C-alpha atoms as a PDB file:
ATOM      1  CA  MET A   1       0.058  -0.079  -0.208  1.00  0.00           C
ATOM      2  CA  TYR A   2       1.128   3.525  -0.924  1.00  0.00           C
ATOM      3  CA  ALA A   3       0.159   7.120  -1.390  1.00  0.00           C
ATOM      4  CA  ILE A   4       1.168  10.037  -2.768  1.00  0.00           C
ATOM      5  CA  VAL A   5       0.823  13.149  -0.595  1.00  0.00           C
ATOM      6  CA  LYS A   6       1.226  16.669  -0.504  1.00  0.00           C
ATOM      7  CA  THR A   7       2.925  19.140   1.809  1.00  0.00           C
ATOM      8  CA  GLY A   8       4.980  22.224   1.734  1.00  0.00           C
ATOM      9  CA  GLY A   9       4.464  22.577  -2.107  1.00  0.00           C
ATOM     10  CA  LYS A  10       5.691  18.945  -3.039  1.00  0.00           C
ATOM     11  CA  GLN A  11       4.655  15.614  -3.679  1.00  0.00           C
ATOM     12  CA  TYR A  12       6.144  12.765  -2.184  1.00  0.00           C
ATOM     13  CA  LYS A  13       5.248   8.636  -2.564  1.00  0.00           C
ATOM     14  CA  VAL A  14       5.101   7.229   1.189  1.00  0.00           C
ATOM     15  CA  THR A  15       4.663   4.094   2.274  1.00  0.00           C
ATOM     16  CA  GLU A  16       4.061   2.935   5.979  1.00  0.00           C
ATOM     17  CA  GLY A  17       7.066   3.477   8.252  1.00  0.00           C
ATOM     18  CA  LEU A  18       8.797   5.724   5.845  1.00  0.00           C
ATOM     19  CA  ILE A  19      10.690   8.432   7.062  1.00  0.00           C
ATOM     20  CA  PHE A  20      11.415  11.631   4.845  1.00  0.00           C
ATOM     21  CA  GLU A  21      12.325  15.202   5.069  1.00  0.00           C
ATOM     22  CA  THR A  22       9.562  18.051   4.054  1.00  0.00           C
ATOM     23  CA  GLU A  23       9.422  21.577   4.425  1.00  0.00           C
ATOM     24  CA  LEU A  24       9.323  22.949   7.929  1.00  0.00           C
ATOM     25  CA  LEU A  25       5.744  22.429   9.372  1.00  0.00           C
ATOM     26  CA  ASN A  26       4.134  23.890  12.314  1.00  0.00           C
ATOM     27  CA  ALA A  27       3.821  21.420  14.516  1.00  0.00           C
ATOM     28  CA  GLU A  28       5.324  20.129  17.992  1.00  0.00           C
ATOM     29  CA  VAL A  29       7.866  17.416  17.925  1.00  0.00           C
ATOM     30  CA  ASN A  30       6.201  13.819  18.495  1.00  0.00           C
ATOM     31  CA  SER A  31       2.797  15.060  17.547  1.00  0.00           C
ATOM     32  CA  THR A  32       0.276  13.512  14.800  1.00  0.00           C
ATOM     33  CA  VAL A  33      -0.027  15.475  11.289  1.00  0.00           C
ATOM     34  CA  GLU A  34      -2.748  14.546   8.805  1.00  0.00           C
ATOM     35  CA  LEU A  35      -1.400  14.769   5.278  1.00  0.00           C
ATOM     36  CA  GLU A  36      -3.429  15.984   2.175  1.00  0.00           C
ATOM     37  CA  VAL A  37      -3.737  12.882  -0.051  1.00  0.00           C
ATOM     38  CA  VAL A  38      -3.678  13.028  -3.806  1.00  0.00           C
ATOM     39  CA  LEU A  39      -3.250   9.725  -4.732  1.00  0.00           C
ATOM     40  CA  ALA A  40      -3.689   6.309  -2.569  1.00  0.00           C
ATOM     41  CA  ALA A  41      -3.046   2.461  -3.700  1.00  0.00           C
ATOM     42  CA  ASP A  42      -3.748  -0.995  -2.295  1.00  0.00           C
ATOM     43  CA  GLY A  43      -2.934  -3.508  -4.760  1.00  0.00           C
ATOM     44  CA  ASP A  44      -5.735  -3.271  -7.835  1.00  0.00           C
ATOM     45  CA  LYS A  45      -7.223  -0.722  -6.181  1.00  0.00           C
ATOM     46  CA  MET A  46      -6.816   2.999  -6.282  1.00  0.00           C
ATOM     47  CA  VAL A  47      -7.917   6.085  -5.423  1.00  0.00           C
ATOM     48  CA  VAL A  48      -7.689   9.168  -7.392  1.00  0.00           C
ATOM     49  CA  GLY A  49      -9.490  12.942  -7.281  1.00  0.00           C
ATOM     50  CA  LYS A  50     -11.999  13.839  -5.003  1.00  0.00           C
ATOM     51  CA  ASP A  51     -12.241  10.221  -3.357  1.00  0.00           C
ATOM     52  CA  ALA A  52      -8.183  10.483  -2.434  1.00  0.00           C
ATOM     53  CA  GLY A  53      -9.683  13.165  -0.078  1.00  0.00           C
ATOM     54  CA  LYS A  54     -11.436  10.820   2.136  1.00  0.00           C
ATOM     55  CA  ALA A  55      -7.986   8.730   2.629  1.00  0.00           C
ATOM     56  CA  LYS A  56      -6.206   9.667   5.466  1.00  0.00           C
ATOM     57  CA  VAL A  57      -2.521   9.679   6.097  1.00  0.00           C
ATOM     58  CA  THR A  58      -1.040  10.287   9.369  1.00  0.00           C
ATOM     59  CA  ALA A  59       2.471  10.983  10.318  1.00  0.00           C
ATOM     60  CA  THR A  60       4.392  12.095  13.563  1.00  0.00           C
ATOM     61  CA  VAL A  61       7.095  14.723  13.595  1.00  0.00           C
ATOM     62  CA  VAL A  62      10.025  13.008  14.229  1.00  0.00           C
ATOM     63  CA  GLU A  63      12.486  16.180  14.588  1.00  0.00           C
ATOM     64  CA  HIS A  64      12.895  19.803  12.996  1.00  0.00           C
ATOM     65  CA  GLY A  65      16.225  20.809  11.696  1.00  0.00           C
ATOM     66  CA  ARG A  66      18.416  22.924   9.441  1.00  0.00           C
ATOM     67  CA  GLY A  67      19.930  21.481   6.029  1.00  0.00           C
ATOM     68  CA  LYS A  68      23.541  21.032   4.797  1.00  0.00           C
ATOM     69  CA  LYS A  69      24.546  24.614   4.240  1.00  0.00           C
ATOM     70  CA  ILE A  70      24.873  25.671   0.699  1.00  0.00           C
ATOM     71  CA  ASN A  71      27.468  28.650  -0.455  1.00  0.00           C
ATOM     72  CA  ILE A  72      26.406  31.266  -2.825  1.00  0.00           C
ATOM     73  CA  PHE A  73      29.096  33.560  -4.671  1.00  0.00           C
ATOM     74  CA  THR A  74      28.177  35.792  -7.042  1.00  0.00           C
ATOM     75  CA  TYR A  75      30.619  38.263  -8.795  1.00  0.00           C
ATOM     76  CA  LYS A  76      31.317  40.901 -11.709  1.00  0.00           C
ATOM     77  CA  ALA A  77      34.081  40.077 -13.909  1.00  0.00           C
ATOM     78  CA  LYS A  78      36.558  43.355 -14.210  1.00  0.00           C
ATOM     79  CA  LYS A  79      34.532  45.330 -11.660  1.00  0.00           C
ATOM     80  CA  ASN A  80      36.082  43.557  -8.422  1.00  0.00           C
ATOM     81  CA  ILE A  81      32.555  42.949  -7.011  1.00  0.00           C
ATOM     82  CA  ARG A  82      32.461  39.985  -5.023  1.00  0.00           C
ATOM     83  CA  LYS A  83      29.406  38.828  -3.022  1.00  0.00           C
ATOM     84  CA  ARG A  84      29.252  35.837  -0.828  1.00  0.00           C
ATOM     85  CA  GLN A  85      26.152  34.364   0.761  1.00  0.00           C
ATOM     86  CA  GLY A  86      24.707  31.322   2.618  1.00  0.00           C
ATOM     87  CA  HIS A  87      21.532  29.482   3.067  1.00  0.00           C
ATOM     88  CA  ARG A  88      20.544  26.326   5.521  1.00  0.00           C
ATOM     89  CA  GLN A  89      17.021  25.322   4.417  1.00  0.00           C
ATOM     90  CA  PRO A  90      14.899  24.505   7.383  1.00  0.00           C
ATOM     91  CA  TYR A  91      13.085  21.079   7.415  1.00  0.00           C
ATOM     92  CA  THR A  92      10.670  18.777   9.256  1.00  0.00           C
ATOM     93  CA  LYS A  93      11.131  15.180   9.527  1.00  0.00           C
ATOM     94  CA  LEU A  94       7.856  12.945   9.431  1.00  0.00           C
ATOM     95  CA  LYS A  95       7.186   9.347  10.070  1.00  0.00           C
ATOM     96  CA  ILE A  96       4.155   7.809   8.192  1.00  0.00           C
ATOM     97  CA  VAL A  97       2.109   5.796  10.706  1.00  0.00           C
ATOM     98  CA  SER A  98      -0.895   4.736   8.979  1.00  0.00           C
ATOM     99  CA  ILE A  99      -2.866   4.723   5.553  1.00  0.00           C
ATOM    100  CA  ALA A 100      -6.124   4.268   5.230  1.00  0.00           C
ATOM    101  CA  LEU A 101      -8.159   4.201   2.235  1.00  0.00           C
END
């Protein structure tokens, strides 16, 4: 059984027990979150569209964190203009508890 869920502007294919990182969610650690279902499938049975809204995918928040640092360096040739900038994307790590059709 698997489902495709939408969270943080992206879609993820999830199964029970899967741990994955998504955009930062406003939820406490160890709390339960219900994710929006786009598609759910169990063997030959597949639920899509309005019927997928009836399916439930619940996940628990494992942790919040910040990703690996990305260095951004821009310059303009022959102008002695240099700019260095860094970025660390915040994330939420989720564990899928159950998928119900």
